[in-house]
Amino acid sequence: FAHAIPVPHIAAGDNLSLPLVGTFLRNCGAFFIRRSSTKDAALYKSCLAEYIHTLVRHGCSLEFFLEGGRSRDGKVGHPRLGLLSLVVDAAMNENLTKKIALVPVSVSYDSAVELGEYVQEAQGRPKE
C-alpha cells in the first residue's frame, strides 16, 4: 500500500451484510460490531474486548466512528464511547512499546445526500 501505511481494521455494522460491499470490507480488515445489546452481551463484550486488546498489542490501526454511524440530516450524533473505552483499557493494560495516537477526523459536506427523502419523511411519509 502507498507509503507503507497499513489498511486499518474497521469497526462496521450492518454494511457487512451487503452482498458485494460486505465481502470487500471484510477482505480489507473490517469486523462486525453490534449496534445494540442483547441477552449474550457479556460474552460478546468479552470477545470484542479481547479482539481489541489483540489489535492494540500488535500495533494494528483501528478505525471506528464515535457517533455510531451516519446521520441522515448531517448532524453529528451523540458519542457512543464503548469502543473507545475498550481501546483505552487495552492501551492501559498492555505493555506497549509504542504510544497510541487517537486521530479525530470529521467528514462534512454542504448538502445532505438524501435531502429529498429526509424532507419527505419529516413531512410524514414512512421511511423506505
C-alpha atoms as a PDB file:
ATOM      1  CA  PHE A   1       0.000   0.000   0.000  1.00  0.00           C
ATOM      2  CA  ALA A   2       1.043   3.575  -0.536  1.00  0.00           C
ATOM      3  CA  HIS A   3       3.819   4.883   1.727  1.00  0.00           C
ATOM      4  CA  ALA A   4       3.795   1.625   3.765  1.00  0.00           C
ATOM      5  CA  ILE A   5       0.618   2.674   5.586  1.00  0.00           C
ATOM      6  CA  PRO A   6      -1.356  -0.421   6.576  1.00  0.00           C
ATOM      7  CA  VAL A   7      -5.079  -0.686   5.951  1.00  0.00           C
ATOM      8  CA  PRO A   8      -6.916  -0.138   9.263  1.00  0.00           C
ATOM      9  CA  HIS A   9      -9.198  -2.652  10.899  1.00  0.00           C
ATOM     10  CA  ILE A  10     -12.626  -1.034  10.570  1.00  0.00           C
ATOM     11  CA  ALA A  11     -15.482  -1.487  13.042  1.00  0.00           C
ATOM     12  CA  ALA A  12     -18.566  -1.902  10.860  1.00  0.00           C
ATOM     13  CA  GLY A  13     -22.226  -2.685  11.406  1.00  0.00           C
ATOM     14  CA  ASP A  14     -24.956  -3.740   9.028  1.00  0.00           C
ATOM     15  CA  ASN A  15     -22.902  -2.765   5.961  1.00  0.00           C
ATOM     16  CA  LEU A  16     -21.069  -6.070   6.319  1.00  0.00           C
ATOM     17  CA  SER A  17     -24.266  -7.910   5.396  1.00  0.00           C
ATOM     18  CA  LEU A  18     -24.448  -6.258   1.947  1.00  0.00           C
ATOM     19  CA  PRO A  19     -23.527  -8.861  -0.710  1.00  0.00           C
ATOM     20  CA  LEU A  20     -20.554  -7.303  -2.524  1.00  0.00           C
ATOM     21  CA  VAL A  21     -19.714  -4.446  -0.190  1.00  0.00           C
ATOM     22  CA  GLY A  22     -19.611  -6.695   2.878  1.00  0.00           C
ATOM     23  CA  THR A  23     -17.207  -9.148   1.275  1.00  0.00           C
ATOM     24  CA  PHE A  24     -14.970  -6.312   0.101  1.00  0.00           C
ATOM     25  CA  LEU A  25     -14.953  -4.666   3.551  1.00  0.00           C
ATOM     26  CA  ARG A  26     -14.195  -7.949   5.344  1.00  0.00           C
ATOM     27  CA  ASN A  27     -11.310  -8.628   2.959  1.00  0.00           C
ATOM     28  CA  CYS A  28      -9.977  -5.175   3.807  1.00  0.00           C
ATOM     29  CA  GLY A  29      -9.972  -5.893   7.552  1.00  0.00           C
ATOM     30  CA  ALA A  30     -13.452  -4.798   8.649  1.00  0.00           C
ATOM     31  CA  PHE A  31     -15.039  -6.577  11.602  1.00  0.00           C
ATOM     32  CA  PHE A  32     -18.655  -6.647  12.752  1.00  0.00           C
ATOM     33  CA  ILE A  33     -19.743  -4.647  15.761  1.00  0.00           C
ATOM     34  CA  ARG A  34     -23.241  -4.728  17.200  1.00  0.00           C
ATOM     35  CA  ARG A  35     -25.226  -1.535  17.484  1.00  0.00           C
ATOM     36  CA  SER A  36     -27.341  -2.734  20.408  1.00  0.00           C
ATOM     37  CA  SER A  37     -27.060  -5.038  23.371  1.00  0.00           C
ATOM     38  CA  THR A  38     -28.622  -8.498  23.511  1.00  0.00           C
ATOM     39  CA  LYS A  39     -29.032 -11.289  26.056  1.00  0.00           C
ATOM     40  CA  ASP A  40     -25.484 -12.565  25.425  1.00  0.00           C
ATOM     41  CA  ALA A  41     -23.970  -9.101  25.859  1.00  0.00           C
ATOM     42  CA  ALA A  42     -21.385 -10.185  28.445  1.00  0.00           C
ATOM     43  CA  LEU A  43     -19.915 -12.858  26.170  1.00  0.00           C
ATOM     44  CA  TYR A  44     -19.963 -10.515  23.161  1.00  0.00           C
ATOM     45  CA  LYS A  45     -18.275  -7.689  25.086  1.00  0.00           C
ATOM     46  CA  SER A  46     -15.626 -10.071  26.403  1.00  0.00           C
ATOM     47  CA  CYS A  47     -14.818 -11.391  22.899  1.00  0.00           C
ATOM     48  CA  LEU A  48     -14.773  -7.876  21.438  1.00  0.00           C
ATOM     49  CA  ALA A  49     -12.516  -6.623  24.246  1.00  0.00           C
ATOM     50  CA  GLU A  50     -10.046  -9.463  23.646  1.00  0.00           C
ATOM     51  CA  TYR A  51     -10.037  -8.744  19.899  1.00  0.00           C
ATOM     52  CA  ILE A  52      -9.362  -5.036  20.540  1.00  0.00           C
ATOM     53  CA  HIS A  53      -6.589  -5.956  23.018  1.00  0.00           C
ATOM     54  CA  THR A  54      -5.026  -8.187  20.338  1.00  0.00           C
ATOM     55  CA  LEU A  55      -5.163  -5.426  17.720  1.00  0.00           C
ATOM     56  CA  VAL A  56      -3.641  -2.901  20.129  1.00  0.00           C
ATOM     57  CA  ARG A  57      -0.965  -5.367  21.293  1.00  0.00           C
ATOM     58  CA  HIS A  58       0.131  -5.979  17.689  1.00  0.00           C
ATOM     59  CA  GLY A  59       0.125  -2.271  16.812  1.00  0.00           C
ATOM     60  CA  CYS A  60      -2.671  -2.524  14.255  1.00  0.00           C
ATOM     61  CA  SER A  61      -4.511   0.551  13.041  1.00  0.00           C
ATOM     62  CA  LEU A  62      -8.136   0.715  14.110  1.00  0.00           C
ATOM     63  CA  GLU A  63     -10.906   2.851  12.601  1.00  0.00           C
ATOM     64  CA  PHE A  64     -14.281   3.496  14.185  1.00  0.00           C
ATOM     65  CA  PHE A  65     -16.854   6.236  14.451  1.00  0.00           C
ATOM     66  CA  LEU A  66     -17.773   7.515  17.908  1.00  0.00           C
ATOM     67  CA  GLU A  67     -21.228   8.652  16.834  1.00  0.00           C
ATOM     68  CA  GLY A  68     -22.018   5.101  15.727  1.00  0.00           C
ATOM     69  CA  GLY A  69     -22.915   5.813  12.108  1.00  0.00           C
ATOM     70  CA  ARG A  70     -24.112   8.299   9.584  1.00  0.00           C
ATOM     71  CA  SER A  71     -26.984  10.656  10.283  1.00  0.00           C
ATOM     72  CA  ARG A  72     -29.479  11.392   7.553  1.00  0.00           C
ATOM     73  CA  ASP A  73     -29.592  15.104   8.343  1.00  0.00           C
ATOM     74  CA  GLY A  74     -25.821  15.685   8.522  1.00  0.00           C
ATOM     75  CA  LYS A  75     -25.774  16.414  12.251  1.00  0.00           C
ATOM     76  CA  VAL A  76     -23.172  14.779  14.458  1.00  0.00           C
ATOM     77  CA  GLY A  77     -24.755  12.183  16.726  1.00  0.00           C
ATOM     78  CA  HIS A  78     -24.203  11.686  20.429  1.00  0.00           C
ATOM     79  CA  PRO A  79     -20.961   9.800  21.047  1.00  0.00           C
ATOM     80  CA  ARG A  80     -21.005   6.128  21.924  1.00  0.00           C
ATOM     81  CA  LEU A  81     -17.906   5.600  23.982  1.00  0.00           C
ATOM     82  CA  GLY A  82     -17.893   1.806  24.319  1.00  0.00           C
ATOM     83  CA  LEU A  83     -15.318   1.010  21.647  1.00  0.00           C
ATOM     84  CA  LEU A  84     -13.141   3.962  22.643  1.00  0.00           C
ATOM     85  CA  SER A  85     -13.151   2.723  26.244  1.00  0.00           C
ATOM     86  CA  LEU A  86     -12.071  -0.737  25.056  1.00  0.00           C
ATOM     87  CA  VAL A  87      -9.133   0.826  23.172  1.00  0.00           C
ATOM     88  CA  VAL A  88      -8.152   2.924  26.198  1.00  0.00           C
ATOM     89  CA  ASP A  89      -8.427  -0.125  28.500  1.00  0.00           C
ATOM     90  CA  ALA A  90      -6.273  -2.153  26.111  1.00  0.00           C
ATOM     91  CA  ALA A  91      -3.667   0.612  25.959  1.00  0.00           C
ATOM     92  CA  MET A  92      -3.574   0.885  29.749  1.00  0.00           C
ATOM     93  CA  ASN A  93      -3.369  -2.882  30.358  1.00  0.00           C
ATOM     94  CA  GLU A  94      -0.894  -3.892  27.666  1.00  0.00           C
ATOM     95  CA  ASN A  95       2.851  -3.406  27.976  1.00  0.00           C
ATOM     96  CA  LEU A  96       3.129  -1.343  24.794  1.00  0.00           C
ATOM     97  CA  THR A  97       6.409  -0.312  23.217  1.00  0.00           C
ATOM     98  CA  LYS A  98       4.713   2.369  21.082  1.00  0.00           C
ATOM     99  CA  LYS A  99       2.272   5.098  22.027  1.00  0.00           C
ATOM    100  CA  ILE A 100      -1.267   5.039  20.701  1.00  0.00           C
ATOM    101  CA  ALA A 101      -2.386   8.014  18.638  1.00  0.00           C
ATOM    102  CA  LEU A 102      -6.059   8.948  18.593  1.00  0.00           C
ATOM    103  CA  VAL A 103      -6.785  10.984  15.479  1.00  0.00           C
ATOM    104  CA  PRO A 104     -10.168  12.716  15.422  1.00  0.00           C
ATOM    105  CA  VAL A 105     -11.487  13.248  11.910  1.00  0.00           C
ATOM    106  CA  SER A 106     -14.635  14.978  10.723  1.00  0.00           C
ATOM    107  CA  VAL A 107     -16.090  14.460   7.267  1.00  0.00           C
ATOM    108  CA  SER A 108     -18.744  17.007   6.431  1.00  0.00           C
ATOM    109  CA  TYR A 109     -20.348  18.424   3.342  1.00  0.00           C
ATOM    110  CA  ASP A 110     -22.663  21.294   2.426  1.00  0.00           C
ATOM    111  CA  SER A 111     -25.729  19.296   1.493  1.00  0.00           C
ATOM    112  CA  ALA A 112     -27.226  16.048   2.700  1.00  0.00           C
ATOM    113  CA  VAL A 113     -27.099  13.304   0.070  1.00  0.00           C
ATOM    114  CA  GLU A 114     -30.592  12.081   0.940  1.00  0.00           C
ATOM    115  CA  LEU A 115     -32.096  15.522   1.465  1.00  0.00           C
ATOM    116  CA  GLY A 116     -35.223  14.848  -0.651  1.00  0.00           C
ATOM    117  CA  GLU A 117     -36.092  11.653   1.220  1.00  0.00           C
ATOM    118  CA  TYR A 118     -35.318  13.298   4.555  1.00  0.00           C
ATOM    119  CA  VAL A 119     -37.729  16.163   3.869  1.00  0.00           C
ATOM    120  CA  GLN A 120     -40.487  13.754   2.771  1.00  0.00           C
ATOM    121  CA  GLU A 121     -40.008  11.638   5.909  1.00  0.00           C
ATOM    122  CA  ALA A 122     -40.148  14.789   8.057  1.00  0.00           C
ATOM    123  CA  GLN A 123     -43.500  15.526   6.388  1.00  0.00           C
ATOM    124  CA  GLY A 124     -44.866  12.136   7.416  1.00  0.00           C
ATOM    125  CA  ARG A 125     -44.020   9.720   4.615  1.00  0.00           C
ATOM    126  CA  PRO A 126     -42.730   6.417   6.028  1.00  0.00           C
ATOM    127  CA  LYS A 127     -39.017   5.623   5.686  1.00  0.00           C
ATOM    128  CA  GLU A 128     -38.287   3.170   2.870  1.00  0.00           C
END
